[in-house]
Amino acid sequence: MPSGPRQIVTPFRPIPLDVPQGMAPNEFFNSTENLNDLAHNNGLLKNPENLLLYRKALGHSNTFDTSIIYNTSNCILNPLGRPVRRTQVPDNVRHVWNRMNQILIDYLLERYPDPDTHLVLAGEASLDATWPLTSAGVPSIRMLHNHFIVFGKDEINTAELADPQNSNLTDGGQHSLFEAYMHDVYREFFDKALDLEILWPVGEAASRLELTGYPQGLPSWEIQGGVAALEDIRFWREYDEILKGFIDFYRTFFSQVSTRNAPMLDDAYFPEQVESVLLFNNDFLKTAKKVRDRCIVDAAYANAIRWQPAFKQLIYRNDAGKLIVTISQNSIGNAITELLGVVVKRVPDAAAYERSEPALIEQLLEVRRRLIEADLGEGIETAYWPKA
């Protein structure tokens, strides 16, 4: 089969949750009531930092799929006031979260060591907190959460080709606003703003998966030292630097879209580079004008813009077995897997899901054991597994 994006089918067991009358499902999923249910029925581990490891009931993959969520549902009742990216998380929480991420990724690469047989990925998708909860593409849980996913490459290889014009794929980089009109200044800004030692820029050939042909047109970096580098706090600081650079670019651009010749943001992470690379670049400012002019005459287009930073940031293993970091504008709410050209079609099929469930839970409990051993939380008892 030729290279191209694939659509895989993932069965799930229907969730017996009643959404109160008059509420949209994604409004209810953001509620404290639903998060309590998530922890009770699918929670694996929790800690005093409010980080919750849980089994994905509506997962992307039944080979391996779990998430860590910064569960602020009880302490921040306003869903639009909750942190939606790592830069909004307290330092002590981010420190614990980084350690949890490192242990989980290390386990996945140990369990699935062959890049020819399994695609391993971990990362987060953050969305614009100014969008109404009922808008299309808004996540079912409005809190920052990381994904840890494994796909069998045989499953991807035998899956049907996805429509390359699927709106969830066309924002993978090559069609995005940043890539189409500001390719050079986008990369120049990253090069000049970021001082990286562990993360080295790589070209598209090194980052692209042969099976899907994705990612496409995205800035990418190789993790020097591989998985061992994730034990070094410097890696996580550099991982955050990439996010900060992206946020500066995104916010600066849309501030110019919103207001012609807007002043530089007071809280920019890299103010010198914002001023010299972005605010003095004709391609950057011409593109802002193009978007601003359309917003004035096209209400639907203006309503679809996410004015605050919306992104997907990802660590994944490429075909050569190297760990790659990439980041993408997330303007339409596409899933993190679609960044790598994998579209997931979830279908209700309890029997099919239950055939995969024992092996999945075995892995989740082993990950939990390692986290408990590292003093990163305590186990949660559910109907499917004991507390420890």
Protein backbone atom coordinates (compact mmCIF):
# COMPACT_ATOMS: atom_id res chain seq x y z
CA MET A 1 0.00 0.00 0.00
CA PRO A 2 1.35 3.48 -0.82
CA SER A 3 2.43 5.91 1.85
CA GLY A 4 -0.37 8.13 3.11
CA PRO A 5 -2.48 8.99 6.15
CA ARG A 6 -4.40 6.01 7.54
CA GLN A 7 -7.71 5.59 9.31
CA ILE A 8 -7.69 2.85 11.92
CA VAL A 9 -10.74 1.48 13.74
CA THR A 10 -10.55 1.32 17.55
CA PRO A 11 -13.38 -0.45 19.44
CA PHE A 12 -14.47 0.80 22.85
CA ARG A 13 -16.85 -0.22 25.59
CA PRO A 14 -19.74 2.28 25.80
CA ILE A 15 -19.61 4.43 28.93
CA PRO A 16 -22.83 4.29 31.00
CA LEU A 17 -22.93 7.99 31.82
CA ASP A 18 -26.10 10.05 31.77
CA VAL A 19 -25.60 13.62 30.61
CA PRO A 20 -28.04 15.94 32.43
CA GLN A 21 -30.84 17.26 30.28
CA GLY A 22 -29.98 20.55 28.62
CA MET A 23 -26.19 20.05 28.77
CA ALA A 24 -24.00 19.35 25.78
CA PRO A 25 -21.82 16.26 26.34
CA ASN A 26 -18.56 18.22 26.31
CA GLU A 27 -20.00 20.66 28.87
CA PHE A 28 -20.74 17.74 31.18
CA PHE A 29 -17.36 16.12 30.60
CA ASN A 30 -15.71 19.25 32.02
CA SER A 31 -17.69 19.01 35.25
CA THR A 32 -16.40 17.93 38.65
CA GLU A 33 -19.03 15.18 38.63
CA ASN A 34 -17.60 13.62 35.48
CA LEU A 35 -13.99 13.91 36.64
CA ASN A 36 -14.91 12.16 39.88
CA ASP A 37 -16.49 9.41 37.81
CA LEU A 38 -13.39 9.19 35.63
CA ALA A 39 -11.17 8.72 38.68
CA HIS A 40 -13.57 6.20 40.27
CA ASN A 41 -14.04 4.02 37.18
CA ASN A 42 -10.77 4.50 35.27
CA GLY A 43 -8.32 6.11 37.70
CA LEU A 44 -5.01 4.32 38.21
CA LEU A 45 -2.96 6.69 40.37
CA LYS A 46 -3.21 10.09 42.00
CA ASN A 47 -0.82 12.31 43.93
CA PRO A 48 -0.91 15.46 46.10
CA GLU A 49 -0.02 17.57 43.04
CA ASN A 50 -3.49 16.75 41.58
CA LEU A 51 -2.00 14.69 38.76
CA LEU A 52 -4.22 11.75 37.85
CA LEU A 53 -3.13 8.77 35.74
CA TYR A 54 -6.12 7.07 34.14
CA ARG A 55 -7.15 4.50 31.58
CA LYS A 56 -8.59 6.05 28.42
CA ALA A 57 -12.15 4.72 28.21
CA LEU A 58 -12.48 6.29 24.74
CA GLY A 59 -8.95 5.62 23.64
CA HIS A 60 -6.96 6.00 20.46
CA SER A 61 -5.34 2.57 20.69
CA ASN A 62 -6.04 -0.67 22.53
CA THR A 63 -2.38 -1.69 22.32
CA PHE A 64 -1.46 0.97 24.88
CA ASP A 65 -3.27 4.18 25.77
CA THR A 66 -3.26 6.22 28.94
CA SER A 67 -3.21 9.85 30.06
CA ILE A 68 -2.06 12.02 32.93
CA ILE A 69 -4.41 14.90 33.61
CA TYR A 70 -3.82 17.91 35.84
CA ASN A 71 -7.11 17.39 37.64
CA THR A 72 -8.09 20.85 38.86
CA SER A 73 -11.83 20.08 38.72
CA ASN A 74 -12.28 20.42 42.48
CA CYS A 75 -10.05 23.43 43.05
CA ILE A 76 -10.86 25.47 39.90
CA LEU A 77 -14.57 25.19 39.20
CA ASN A 78 -14.49 27.53 36.21
CA PRO A 79 -13.59 25.28 33.24
CA LEU A 80 -12.22 28.26 31.31
CA GLY A 81 -9.94 29.17 34.22
CA ARG A 82 -8.07 25.86 34.29
CA PRO A 83 -4.49 25.49 33.03
CA VAL A 84 -4.38 24.33 29.42
CA ARG A 85 -0.60 24.22 28.86
CA ARG A 86 2.54 23.44 30.86
CA THR A 87 3.59 27.08 31.10
CA GLN A 88 0.52 27.67 33.31
CA VAL A 89 1.38 24.86 35.73
CA PRO A 90 3.15 25.54 39.07
CA ASP A 91 6.83 24.61 39.08
CA ASN A 92 6.48 21.85 41.68
CA VAL A 93 3.66 20.23 39.69
CA ARG A 94 5.61 20.44 36.43
CA HIS A 95 8.63 18.85 38.12
CA VAL A 96 6.58 15.84 39.23
CA TRP A 97 4.83 15.68 35.86
CA ASN A 98 8.16 15.57 34.02
CA ARG A 99 9.31 12.65 36.15
CA MET A 100 6.05 10.81 35.46
CA ASN A 101 6.46 11.45 31.74
CA GLN A 102 10.02 10.13 31.79
CA ILE A 103 9.03 6.89 33.54
CA LEU A 104 6.10 6.29 31.19
CA ILE A 105 8.09 6.91 28.00
CA ASP A 106 10.95 4.76 29.30
CA TYR A 107 8.48 1.92 29.94
CA LEU A 108 6.97 2.18 26.47
CA LEU A 109 10.35 2.06 24.74
CA GLU A 110 11.37 -0.89 26.91
CA ARG A 111 8.13 -2.74 26.19
CA TYR A 112 8.09 -1.86 22.49
CA PRO A 113 11.78 -1.61 21.49
CA ASP A 114 11.44 -2.14 17.73
CA PRO A 115 10.59 0.93 15.61
CA ASP A 116 9.72 -1.39 12.71
CA THR A 117 6.82 -2.94 14.64
CA HIS A 118 5.39 -0.17 16.84
CA LEU A 119 4.80 3.57 16.71
CA VAL A 120 5.34 5.09 20.16
CA LEU A 121 4.24 8.65 20.95
CA ALA A 122 3.66 10.91 23.92
CA GLY A 123 2.57 14.51 24.08
CA GLU A 124 -0.12 17.04 24.73
CA ALA A 125 -2.68 19.04 22.83
CA SER A 126 -3.73 22.41 24.19
CA LEU A 127 -6.71 24.37 22.98
CA ASP A 128 -7.84 27.97 23.05
CA ALA A 129 -9.56 28.67 26.34
CA THR A 130 -11.52 31.54 24.79
CA TRP A 131 -13.66 29.22 22.67
CA PRO A 132 -17.14 28.35 23.95
CA LEU A 133 -17.31 24.86 25.44
CA THR A 134 -19.91 23.85 22.86
CA SER A 135 -17.76 24.74 19.85
CA ALA A 136 -16.66 21.97 17.54
CA GLY A 137 -13.21 20.65 18.32
CA VAL A 138 -13.21 21.67 21.99
CA PRO A 139 -11.87 18.76 24.08
CA SER A 140 -14.14 16.58 26.16
CA ILE A 141 -12.09 17.39 29.26
CA ARG A 142 -11.01 21.02 29.54
CA MET A 143 -7.83 20.45 31.50
CA LEU A 144 -4.23 19.94 30.55
CA HIS A 145 -3.54 16.28 29.91
CA ASN A 146 -0.80 14.25 28.27
CA HIS A 147 -1.33 11.24 26.02
CA PHE A 148 0.81 8.08 25.90
CA ILE A 149 -0.06 5.89 22.93
CA VAL A 150 1.31 2.88 21.05
CA PHE A 151 0.09 1.65 17.66
CA GLY A 152 1.12 -1.58 16.01
CA LYS A 153 2.61 -0.71 12.63
CA ASP A 154 0.90 -3.74 11.10
CA GLU A 155 -2.41 -2.17 12.12
CA ILE A 156 -1.44 1.12 10.49
CA ASN A 157 -0.11 -0.60 7.38
CA THR A 158 -3.29 -2.60 6.77
CA ALA A 159 -5.66 0.27 7.61
CA GLU A 160 -7.49 2.03 4.80
CA LEU A 161 -6.08 5.27 3.49
CA ALA A 162 -7.64 8.34 5.08
CA ASP A 163 -8.94 11.21 2.99
CA PRO A 164 -5.93 13.55 2.70
CA GLN A 165 -8.36 16.50 2.65
CA ASN A 166 -9.85 15.46 6.01
CA SER A 167 -9.94 18.72 7.96
CA ASN A 168 -8.25 16.98 10.87
CA LEU A 169 -5.23 16.24 8.68
CA THR A 170 -4.87 19.40 6.64
CA ASP A 171 -3.61 21.34 9.65
CA GLY A 172 -0.67 18.96 10.03
CA GLY A 173 1.70 21.72 8.90
CA GLN A 174 1.75 21.88 5.13
CA HIS A 175 -1.64 23.62 4.95
CA SER A 176 -1.43 25.62 8.14
CA LEU A 177 -1.28 29.38 8.13
CA PHE A 178 2.23 29.39 9.60
CA GLU A 179 3.61 26.96 7.05
CA ALA A 180 1.86 28.30 3.97
CA TYR A 181 2.77 31.98 4.34
CA MET A 182 5.48 32.32 6.99
CA HIS A 183 7.67 29.23 6.59
CA ASP A 184 11.00 31.06 6.63
CA VAL A 185 10.30 33.53 9.44
CA TYR A 186 8.73 30.76 11.56
CA ARG A 187 11.96 28.74 11.46
CA GLU A 188 14.20 31.77 11.73
CA PHE A 189 12.44 32.78 14.93
CA PHE A 190 12.96 29.32 16.47
CA ASP A 191 16.62 29.33 15.41
CA LYS A 192 17.36 32.75 16.89
CA ALA A 193 15.18 32.60 20.01
CA LEU A 194 16.07 29.14 21.30
CA ASP A 195 19.37 28.15 22.90
CA LEU A 196 19.25 24.35 22.74
CA GLU A 197 21.91 21.72 23.46
CA ILE A 198 20.02 18.43 23.77
CA LEU A 199 17.46 19.13 21.05
CA TRP A 200 18.94 19.43 17.53
CA PRO A 201 16.92 20.62 14.54
CA VAL A 202 16.26 17.94 11.89
CA GLY A 203 14.78 18.08 8.41
CA GLU A 204 11.55 16.62 7.15
CA ALA A 205 13.16 13.40 5.93
CA ALA A 206 14.28 12.49 9.48
CA SER A 207 10.98 13.37 11.11
CA ARG A 208 8.57 11.81 8.60
CA LEU A 209 7.09 8.31 9.04
CA GLU A 210 7.28 6.26 5.86
CA LEU A 211 3.89 4.57 6.42
CA THR A 212 1.88 7.79 6.63
CA GLY A 213 4.10 10.51 5.17
CA TYR A 214 3.55 12.63 8.29
CA PRO A 215 4.37 14.96 9.96
CA GLN A 216 4.59 17.40 7.09
CA GLY A 217 6.14 20.83 7.14
CA LEU A 218 6.71 21.06 10.89
CA PRO A 219 9.82 22.21 12.78
CA SER A 220 11.31 19.13 14.46
CA TRP A 221 14.21 18.32 16.77
CA GLU A 222 16.04 15.08 17.56
CA ILE A 223 16.63 14.25 21.24
CA GLN A 224 20.39 13.75 21.50
CA GLY A 225 21.07 10.81 23.79
CA GLY A 226 17.72 9.16 23.19
CA VAL A 227 15.54 8.04 26.07
CA ALA A 228 18.37 8.50 28.60
CA ALA A 229 18.20 12.27 27.94
CA LEU A 230 14.68 12.31 29.40
CA GLU A 231 16.26 11.66 32.82
CA ASP A 232 18.08 15.00 32.51
CA ILE A 233 16.11 18.02 33.72
CA ARG A 234 17.81 20.06 30.97
CA PHE A 235 15.80 18.16 28.36
CA TRP A 236 12.50 19.15 29.93
CA ARG A 237 13.64 22.75 30.17
CA GLU A 238 14.47 22.72 26.46
CA TYR A 239 11.14 21.03 25.73
CA ASP A 240 9.48 23.97 27.47
CA GLU A 241 11.65 26.45 25.55
CA ILE A 242 10.19 25.14 22.29
CA LEU A 243 6.69 25.67 23.67
CA LYS A 244 7.57 29.18 24.84
CA GLY A 245 8.95 30.04 21.42
CA PHE A 246 5.79 28.76 19.78
CA ILE A 247 3.61 30.74 22.19
CA ASP A 248 5.53 33.96 21.45
CA PHE A 249 5.14 33.44 17.70
CA TYR A 250 1.44 32.55 17.94
CA ARG A 251 0.45 35.34 20.31
CA THR A 252 2.50 37.97 18.46
CA PHE A 253 0.95 36.99 15.15
CA PHE A 254 -2.64 37.07 16.35
CA SER A 255 -2.08 40.31 18.26
CA GLN A 256 -1.18 41.83 14.88
CA VAL A 257 -4.23 40.21 13.30
CA SER A 258 -6.42 41.67 16.03
CA THR A 259 -4.93 45.17 16.04
CA ARG A 260 -2.88 46.75 13.27
CA ASN A 261 0.62 47.66 14.47
CA ALA A 262 -0.10 46.34 17.97
CA PRO A 263 2.70 46.95 20.50
CA MET A 264 4.90 44.05 21.50
CA LEU A 265 3.43 41.86 24.23
CA ASP A 266 4.59 42.84 27.71
CA ASP A 267 5.05 39.21 28.78
CA ALA A 268 6.88 37.80 25.75
CA TYR A 269 9.43 35.12 26.61
CA PHE A 270 11.88 36.27 23.93
CA PRO A 271 11.21 40.03 23.48
CA GLU A 272 14.42 40.84 21.56
CA GLN A 273 13.74 38.17 18.95
CA VAL A 274 10.05 39.08 18.74
CA GLU A 275 11.03 42.67 17.95
CA SER A 276 13.88 41.97 15.53
CA VAL A 277 12.65 38.81 13.76
CA LEU A 278 8.85 39.09 13.79
CA LEU A 279 7.82 42.72 14.06
CA PHE A 280 10.27 43.78 11.36
CA ASN A 281 9.42 41.01 8.88
CA ASN A 282 7.26 41.91 5.89
CA ASP A 283 5.98 38.37 5.26
CA PHE A 284 4.87 38.11 8.89
CA LEU A 285 3.03 41.43 8.86
CA LYS A 286 1.57 40.98 5.36
CA THR A 287 0.07 37.67 6.45
CA ALA A 288 -1.41 39.27 9.57
CA LYS A 289 -3.02 41.92 7.36
CA LYS A 290 -4.42 39.24 5.05
CA VAL A 291 -6.06 37.43 7.97
CA ARG A 292 -7.27 40.68 9.57
CA ASP A 293 -8.88 41.87 6.34
CA ARG A 294 -10.76 38.61 5.95
CA CYS A 295 -11.92 38.65 9.59
CA ILE A 296 -13.57 42.02 8.97
CA VAL A 297 -15.75 40.72 6.13
CA ASP A 298 -16.16 37.01 6.98
CA ALA A 299 -17.92 36.39 10.30
CA ALA A 300 -17.58 32.60 10.15
CA TYR A 301 -13.84 32.84 9.46
CA ALA A 302 -13.34 35.30 12.32
CA ASN A 303 -15.34 33.13 14.70
CA ALA A 304 -13.17 30.10 13.88
CA ILE A 305 -9.91 31.76 14.92
CA ARG A 306 -8.34 30.71 18.20
CA TRP A 307 -6.93 33.93 19.50
CA GLN A 308 -4.90 32.28 22.26
CA PRO A 309 -2.15 29.68 21.73
CA ALA A 310 -3.51 26.35 20.55
CA PHE A 311 -0.95 23.66 19.83
CA LYS A 312 0.10 20.04 19.82
CA GLN A 313 3.58 19.16 21.10
CA LEU A 314 4.82 15.65 20.66
CA ILE A 315 7.64 13.22 21.42
CA TYR A 316 7.65 10.20 19.12
CA ARG A 317 9.98 7.54 17.73
CA ASN A 318 10.81 7.82 14.04
CA ASP A 319 11.49 4.97 11.62
CA ALA A 320 15.20 4.99 12.49
CA GLY A 321 14.48 4.61 16.21
CA LYS A 322 15.38 8.23 17.06
CA LEU A 323 13.23 10.25 19.44
CA ILE A 324 11.82 13.36 17.76
CA VAL A 325 10.11 16.44 19.22
CA THR A 326 7.72 18.46 17.07
CA ILE A 327 5.10 21.13 17.59
CA SER A 328 2.14 22.22 15.49
CA GLN A 329 -0.48 24.90 15.40
CA ASN A 330 -3.77 23.30 16.51
CA SER A 331 -6.30 25.56 14.88
CA ILE A 332 -9.06 23.04 14.28
CA GLY A 333 -8.95 20.68 17.23
CA ASN A 334 -7.43 17.69 15.48
CA ALA A 335 -6.24 14.79 17.62
CA ILE A 336 -2.59 14.38 18.54
CA THR A 337 -2.36 11.15 16.52
CA GLU A 338 -3.36 12.99 13.37
CA LEU A 339 -0.16 15.00 13.60
CA LEU A 340 1.50 11.71 12.57
CA GLY A 341 -1.10 10.90 9.93
CA VAL A 342 -3.14 8.43 12.01
CA VAL A 343 -6.89 9.10 12.07
CA VAL A 344 -8.77 7.08 14.69
CA LYS A 345 -12.36 5.99 14.10
CA ARG A 346 -13.82 4.87 17.42
CA VAL A 347 -16.63 2.32 17.23
CA PRO A 348 -18.73 0.92 20.14
CA ASP A 349 -17.93 -2.79 20.40
CA ALA A 350 -17.66 -4.07 23.95
CA ALA A 351 -16.74 -7.63 22.95
CA ALA A 352 -13.86 -6.51 20.73
CA TYR A 353 -12.58 -4.10 23.38
CA GLU A 354 -12.70 -6.75 26.10
CA ARG A 355 -10.45 -9.02 24.05
CA SER A 356 -7.72 -6.37 24.29
CA GLU A 357 -8.48 -5.28 27.83
CA PRO A 358 -6.47 -7.83 29.90
CA ALA A 359 -3.18 -7.08 28.11
CA LEU A 360 -3.85 -3.34 28.26
CA ILE A 361 -4.61 -3.36 31.99
CA GLU A 362 -1.56 -5.52 32.69
CA GLN A 363 0.62 -2.80 31.17
CA LEU A 364 -1.18 0.03 32.93
CA LEU A 365 -0.73 -1.64 36.31
CA GLU A 366 2.98 -2.18 35.63
CA VAL A 367 3.38 1.51 34.78
CA ARG A 368 1.48 2.36 37.96
CA ARG A 369 3.77 0.09 40.01
CA ARG A 370 6.84 1.94 38.69
CA LEU A 371 5.33 5.33 39.48
CA ILE A 372 4.42 4.27 43.02
CA GLU A 373 7.93 2.88 43.51
CA ALA A 374 9.33 6.29 42.47
CA ASP A 375 7.09 8.01 45.08
CA LEU A 376 4.99 9.67 42.40
CA GLY A 377 1.57 8.78 43.76
CA GLU A 378 -0.69 6.17 45.27
CA GLY A 379 -2.90 3.63 43.55
CA ILE A 380 -6.64 4.02 43.02
CA GLU A 381 -9.01 1.06 43.40
CA THR A 382 -11.74 0.55 40.79
CA ALA A 383 -14.03 -2.27 39.74
CA TYR A 384 -11.29 -3.40 37.33
CA TRP A 385 -8.18 -3.35 39.53
CA PRO A 386 -7.15 -3.14 43.21
CA LYS A 387 -5.50 -0.17 44.88
CA ALA A 388 -2.03 -1.72 44.80
